[in-house]
Amino acid sequence: MVELSLANRPAIVTGASRGIGREIAARFSEAGGDVVVCSRTYEDVEAVATELTNTHEGRVVPVECDVTDREAVRDLVDTTIEELGDVRVLVNNAGGADESANLLHRCDEETFESMVDLNLKSQFLLSKAVLPAMVAAGGGSIIHMGSVNGLFGIGLSGYSEAKSGLLALSRNIAAHYGQHGVRSNVVSAATIETANRRAEMENTEERTGETSARERWLDQYPLGRFGTPREVADASLFLASEMSSFVTGENLVLDGGLTTSLPTSFINEIYDADDQPTAN
């Protein structure tokens, strides 16, 4: 039986100083994997590496890296090979949105370019940099952190366009390098309740005076809740491990049903969907 294990599958996780990236690194380490964790600030990622090394099986190595800098990305890959022997897994997690650019006419050219650099170009640079080592090692798995913003119109100019572009990048990697044992997939998540995301929602309520802001968001989710970093980490572990060995070029949507339908309150009003089924 194929195990959900990362033993002998060294990994790189970008944007790993907090939130989803940190949780992915922790999950990989729990699964017996050796992991290089990186972020722009060494002190932040060093603290993560120290904590995970003390509490999990795998080795965790901190590296400072600006993922939009080509030379820094090359140094990251070289350091990973020096420290861990090779690279079998890459999680392109680093990214972010500029909330001020929520609509196209509010997004200037500089902001648009910075969003594309951080959320698409960086993943191109990292994927390109790891491919030679990954192929030499006999193959591996590249996981790109996408977003439901890349699947349908929500907002956040630059960010959303970049996340949509990840789907094409991943499919091309899957198509061209599958013959060398490399798999490539996207994880498109909806709202994941990290500490930062929770604070953003609370700030929105305070600024607008709308105490029901959270409830209005939740109304968009058939499961009635937001996702957790652990759920993204579990999905990433599945895609990184040999348990998903025949999965490539796919987009795994983690959205609690967000993209399946209209708001729950509307469905209930039209169809009485909140009427619980009973046995005949």
Protein backbone atom coordinates (compact mmCIF):
# COMPACT_ATOMS: atom_id res chain seq x y z
CA MET A 1 0.00 0.00 0.00
CA VAL A 2 1.25 3.48 -0.90
CA GLU A 3 1.79 5.55 2.24
CA LEU A 4 1.02 9.21 2.80
CA SER A 5 4.68 9.84 3.49
CA LEU A 6 7.39 12.25 2.40
CA ALA A 7 10.30 10.14 3.57
CA ASN A 8 13.16 10.54 1.07
CA ARG A 9 11.24 13.32 -0.74
CA PRO A 10 13.01 16.60 0.18
CA ALA A 11 10.75 19.63 -0.22
CA ILE A 12 10.82 23.39 -0.56
CA VAL A 13 7.93 25.40 0.87
CA THR A 14 7.91 29.11 0.09
CA GLY A 15 6.14 31.74 2.17
CA ALA A 16 6.52 29.46 5.17
CA SER A 17 6.92 31.96 8.01
CA ARG A 18 3.23 31.87 8.97
CA GLY A 19 -0.27 30.79 8.01
CA ILE A 20 -0.76 28.24 5.27
CA GLY A 21 2.92 27.92 4.37
CA ARG A 22 3.94 27.22 7.94
CA GLU A 23 1.19 24.61 8.29
CA ILE A 24 2.27 22.88 5.08
CA ALA A 25 5.86 22.73 6.31
CA ALA A 26 4.67 21.28 9.62
CA ARG A 27 2.53 18.67 7.89
CA PHE A 28 5.39 17.64 5.62
CA SER A 29 7.71 17.35 8.60
CA GLU A 30 5.14 15.23 10.44
CA ALA A 31 5.07 12.94 7.42
CA GLY A 32 8.80 12.30 7.73
CA GLY A 33 9.94 14.78 5.14
CA ASP A 34 12.96 17.07 5.17
CA VAL A 35 11.89 20.60 4.31
CA VAL A 36 13.51 23.87 3.35
CA VAL A 37 11.30 26.73 4.52
CA CYS A 38 11.80 30.19 3.11
CA SER A 39 10.51 33.73 3.42
CA ARG A 40 11.81 37.25 2.85
CA THR A 41 12.94 37.58 6.49
CA TYR A 42 15.37 35.02 7.84
CA GLU A 43 14.50 35.57 11.50
CA ASP A 44 10.84 34.71 10.90
CA VAL A 45 11.53 31.50 9.06
CA GLU A 46 14.35 30.56 11.44
CA ALA A 47 11.86 30.59 14.30
CA VAL A 48 9.56 28.28 12.35
CA ALA A 49 12.41 25.90 11.56
CA THR A 50 13.49 25.76 15.21
CA GLU A 51 9.96 25.05 16.42
CA LEU A 52 9.25 22.36 13.83
CA THR A 53 12.62 20.67 14.31
CA ASN A 54 11.90 20.37 18.02
CA THR A 55 8.43 18.92 17.56
CA HIS A 56 8.46 16.85 14.35
CA GLU A 57 10.43 14.08 12.71
CA GLY A 58 11.82 15.68 9.60
CA ARG A 59 14.71 18.10 9.26
CA VAL A 60 13.68 21.73 8.67
CA VAL A 61 16.15 24.20 7.14
CA PRO A 62 15.46 27.97 7.07
CA VAL A 63 16.49 30.03 4.04
CA GLU A 64 15.89 33.71 3.34
CA CYS A 65 14.61 34.22 -0.20
CA ASP A 66 12.82 36.88 -2.20
CA VAL A 67 10.92 34.64 -4.62
CA THR A 68 10.63 37.43 -7.20
CA ASP A 69 14.44 37.60 -7.48
CA ARG A 70 15.87 35.13 -9.99
CA GLU A 71 19.30 34.91 -8.36
CA ALA A 72 17.80 34.45 -4.91
CA VAL A 73 15.63 31.64 -6.24
CA ARG A 74 18.65 29.90 -7.75
CA ASP A 75 20.49 30.21 -4.44
CA LEU A 76 17.46 28.71 -2.67
CA VAL A 77 17.51 25.65 -4.90
CA ASP A 78 21.30 25.28 -4.61
CA THR A 79 21.08 25.49 -0.81
CA THR A 80 18.32 22.88 -0.75
CA ILE A 81 20.43 20.44 -2.76
CA GLU A 82 23.45 21.09 -0.55
CA GLU A 83 21.48 20.60 2.66
CA LEU A 84 19.02 17.86 1.70
CA GLY A 85 20.65 16.10 -1.26
CA ASP A 86 18.01 16.79 -3.89
CA VAL A 87 14.56 18.32 -4.48
CA ARG A 88 11.51 16.12 -4.98
CA VAL A 89 8.73 18.52 -3.94
CA LEU A 90 8.16 22.22 -4.47
CA VAL A 91 5.24 24.10 -2.92
CA ASN A 92 4.85 27.50 -4.55
CA ASN A 93 2.97 29.06 -1.67
CA ALA A 94 4.40 32.59 -1.43
CA GLY A 95 1.98 35.22 -2.66
CA GLY A 96 -0.40 37.92 -1.60
CA ALA A 97 -2.99 40.46 -2.66
CA ASP A 98 -3.26 44.24 -2.52
CA GLU A 99 -6.70 44.96 -1.09
CA SER A 100 -6.65 48.52 -2.44
CA ALA A 101 -6.67 47.15 -6.00
CA ASN A 102 -10.04 45.49 -5.57
CA LEU A 103 -11.37 46.73 -8.94
CA LEU A 104 -9.58 47.29 -12.23
CA HIS A 105 -10.03 51.08 -12.27
CA ARG A 106 -8.47 51.27 -8.80
CA CYS A 107 -5.42 49.22 -9.81
CA ASP A 108 -2.45 51.15 -11.18
CA GLU A 109 0.13 49.63 -13.47
CA GLU A 110 2.79 49.33 -10.76
CA THR A 111 0.45 47.42 -8.46
CA PHE A 112 -0.70 45.13 -11.27
CA GLU A 113 2.90 44.29 -12.18
CA SER A 114 3.89 43.65 -8.57
CA MET A 115 0.92 41.29 -8.10
CA VAL A 116 1.82 39.34 -11.24
CA ASP A 117 5.48 39.20 -10.18
CA LEU A 118 4.64 37.84 -6.73
CA ASN A 119 1.81 35.47 -7.65
CA LEU A 120 2.80 34.16 -11.09
CA LYS A 121 6.31 35.10 -12.17
CA SER A 122 7.79 33.88 -8.89
CA GLN A 123 6.16 30.48 -9.38
CA PHE A 124 7.55 30.38 -12.92
CA LEU A 125 11.05 31.19 -11.60
CA LEU A 126 10.90 28.56 -8.87
CA SER A 127 9.46 25.85 -11.09
CA LYS A 128 12.09 26.47 -13.74
CA ALA A 129 14.86 26.46 -11.15
CA VAL A 130 13.91 23.12 -9.56
CA LEU A 131 13.16 21.20 -12.75
CA PRO A 132 16.74 20.09 -13.56
CA ALA A 133 17.31 18.74 -10.03
CA MET A 134 13.86 17.20 -9.84
CA VAL A 135 14.29 15.40 -13.16
CA ALA A 136 17.77 14.23 -12.14
CA ALA A 137 16.30 12.80 -8.93
CA GLY A 138 13.79 10.74 -10.90
CA GLY A 139 10.83 13.10 -10.77
CA GLY A 140 8.74 14.87 -8.20
CA SER A 141 5.73 17.04 -7.51
CA ILE A 142 5.19 20.78 -7.94
CA ILE A 143 2.23 22.29 -6.12
CA HIS A 144 1.07 25.82 -6.90
CA MET A 145 -1.12 27.71 -4.43
CA GLY A 146 -3.90 29.17 -6.52
CA SER A 147 -7.17 30.74 -5.47
CA VAL A 148 -10.86 30.68 -6.29
CA ASN A 149 -10.20 34.26 -7.45
CA GLY A 150 -8.59 32.69 -10.49
CA LEU A 151 -11.70 30.65 -11.29
CA PHE A 152 -14.46 33.25 -11.40
CA GLY A 153 -14.92 36.98 -11.05
CA ILE A 154 -14.59 38.21 -7.46
CA GLY A 155 -12.14 41.11 -7.48
CA LEU A 156 -8.52 41.92 -6.60
CA SER A 157 -6.99 42.98 -9.91
CA GLY A 158 -3.54 41.65 -10.65
CA TYR A 159 -3.84 38.98 -7.98
CA SER A 160 -6.81 37.26 -9.61
CA GLU A 161 -5.31 37.40 -13.09
CA ALA A 162 -2.07 35.91 -11.80
CA LYS A 163 -3.87 33.08 -9.99
CA SER A 164 -5.74 32.27 -13.20
CA GLY A 165 -2.43 32.18 -15.06
CA LEU A 166 -1.14 29.54 -12.64
CA LEU A 167 -3.59 27.05 -14.14
CA ALA A 168 -1.92 27.33 -17.55
CA LEU A 169 1.58 27.28 -16.05
CA SER A 170 0.83 24.11 -14.11
CA ARG A 171 -0.80 22.35 -17.06
CA ASN A 172 2.18 23.12 -19.29
CA ILE A 173 4.60 21.75 -16.70
CA ALA A 174 2.47 18.62 -16.37
CA ALA A 175 2.27 18.14 -20.13
CA HIS A 176 5.92 18.74 -20.91
CA TYR A 177 7.71 17.13 -17.97
CA GLY A 178 5.48 14.22 -17.09
CA GLN A 179 7.70 12.09 -19.30
CA HIS A 180 10.50 12.86 -16.83
CA GLY A 181 8.44 11.91 -13.78
CA VAL A 182 7.42 15.43 -12.79
CA ARG A 183 3.83 16.11 -11.74
CA SER A 184 2.29 19.58 -11.40
CA ASN A 185 -1.00 20.58 -9.79
CA VAL A 186 -2.79 23.65 -8.44
CA VAL A 187 -4.62 23.98 -5.13
CA SER A 188 -7.29 26.68 -5.44
CA ALA A 189 -8.54 27.61 -2.00
CA ALA A 190 -11.34 29.92 -0.95
CA THR A 191 -11.29 31.74 2.40
CA ILE A 192 -8.86 30.02 4.75
CA GLU A 193 -9.12 31.23 8.32
CA THR A 194 -5.56 32.13 9.16
CA ALA A 195 -4.84 34.56 11.98
CA ASN A 196 -4.31 37.35 9.44
CA ARG A 197 -7.54 36.57 7.60
CA ARG A 198 -9.51 36.53 10.85
CA ALA A 199 -8.08 39.93 11.76
CA GLU A 200 -9.02 41.32 8.33
CA MET A 201 -12.64 40.25 8.76
CA GLU A 202 -12.76 41.76 12.25
CA ASN A 203 -11.28 45.03 10.97
CA THR A 204 -13.90 45.15 8.22
CA GLU A 205 -16.68 44.84 10.79
CA GLU A 206 -15.18 47.61 12.92
CA ARG A 207 -14.67 49.94 9.95
CA THR A 208 -18.12 49.52 8.44
CA GLY A 209 -20.11 48.96 11.62
CA GLU A 210 -21.53 45.79 10.10
CA THR A 211 -21.54 43.21 12.86
CA SER A 212 -22.84 40.56 10.46
CA ALA A 213 -19.96 40.77 7.97
CA ARG A 214 -18.72 37.32 8.90
CA GLU A 215 -22.20 35.81 8.58
CA ARG A 216 -22.63 37.34 5.13
CA TRP A 217 -19.35 35.76 4.04
CA LEU A 218 -20.31 32.41 5.49
CA ASP A 219 -23.61 32.53 3.60
CA GLN A 220 -21.59 31.96 0.40
CA TYR A 221 -20.30 28.60 1.69
CA PRO A 222 -22.63 25.55 1.60
CA LEU A 223 -20.55 23.89 4.34
CA GLY A 224 -21.23 26.89 6.54
CA ARG A 225 -17.61 27.54 7.51
CA PHE A 226 -14.27 28.68 6.20
CA GLY A 227 -11.33 26.38 5.56
CA THR A 228 -8.37 25.83 7.85
CA PRO A 229 -4.62 25.92 7.10
CA ARG A 230 -4.47 22.26 8.14
CA GLU A 231 -6.93 21.31 5.40
CA VAL A 232 -4.76 23.01 2.79
CA ALA A 233 -1.72 21.27 4.26
CA ASP A 234 -3.42 17.87 4.07
CA ALA A 235 -4.31 18.44 0.42
CA SER A 236 -0.73 19.51 -0.29
CA LEU A 237 0.64 16.40 1.41
CA PHE A 238 -1.60 14.23 -0.74
CA LEU A 239 -0.34 15.92 -3.92
CA ALA A 240 3.28 15.80 -2.75
CA SER A 241 3.21 12.12 -1.84
CA GLU A 242 3.13 8.99 -3.98
CA MET A 243 -0.50 8.53 -2.99
CA SER A 244 -1.33 10.97 -5.83
CA SER A 245 1.14 9.41 -8.27
CA PHE A 246 -1.37 9.42 -11.16
CA VAL A 247 -2.64 12.96 -10.54
CA THR A 248 -1.13 15.74 -12.65
CA GLY A 249 -2.27 18.84 -14.48
CA GLU A 250 -5.26 19.14 -12.16
CA ASN A 251 -6.79 21.93 -10.08
CA LEU A 252 -7.88 20.80 -6.63
CA VAL A 253 -10.53 23.24 -5.43
CA LEU A 254 -10.79 23.65 -1.64
CA ASP A 255 -13.71 26.01 -1.23
CA GLY A 256 -16.40 24.50 1.00
CA GLY A 257 -18.73 24.57 -2.00
CA LEU A 258 -18.28 28.30 -2.72
CA THR A 259 -18.01 27.85 -6.49
CA THR A 260 -20.87 25.35 -6.75
CA SER A 261 -23.87 27.58 -6.23
CA LEU A 262 -25.53 30.81 -5.19
CA PRO A 263 -25.63 31.94 -1.53
CA THR A 264 -27.15 29.42 0.86
CA SER A 265 -29.83 31.87 2.01
CA PHE A 266 -31.02 32.33 -1.57
CA ILE A 267 -31.12 28.58 -2.24
CA ASN A 268 -33.08 28.06 0.96
CA GLU A 269 -35.53 30.79 0.01
CA ILE A 270 -36.16 29.43 -3.50
CA TYR A 271 -36.02 25.68 -2.87
CA ASP A 272 -36.49 25.28 0.89
CA ALA A 273 -33.13 23.53 0.85
CA ASP A 274 -32.87 23.86 4.62
CA ASP A 275 -35.71 21.33 4.93
CA GLN A 276 -33.97 18.26 6.35
CA PRO A 277 -34.51 14.97 4.50
CA THR A 278 -36.18 12.11 6.38
CA ALA A 279 -36.35 8.38 5.72
CA ASN A 280 -39.41 7.17 3.82
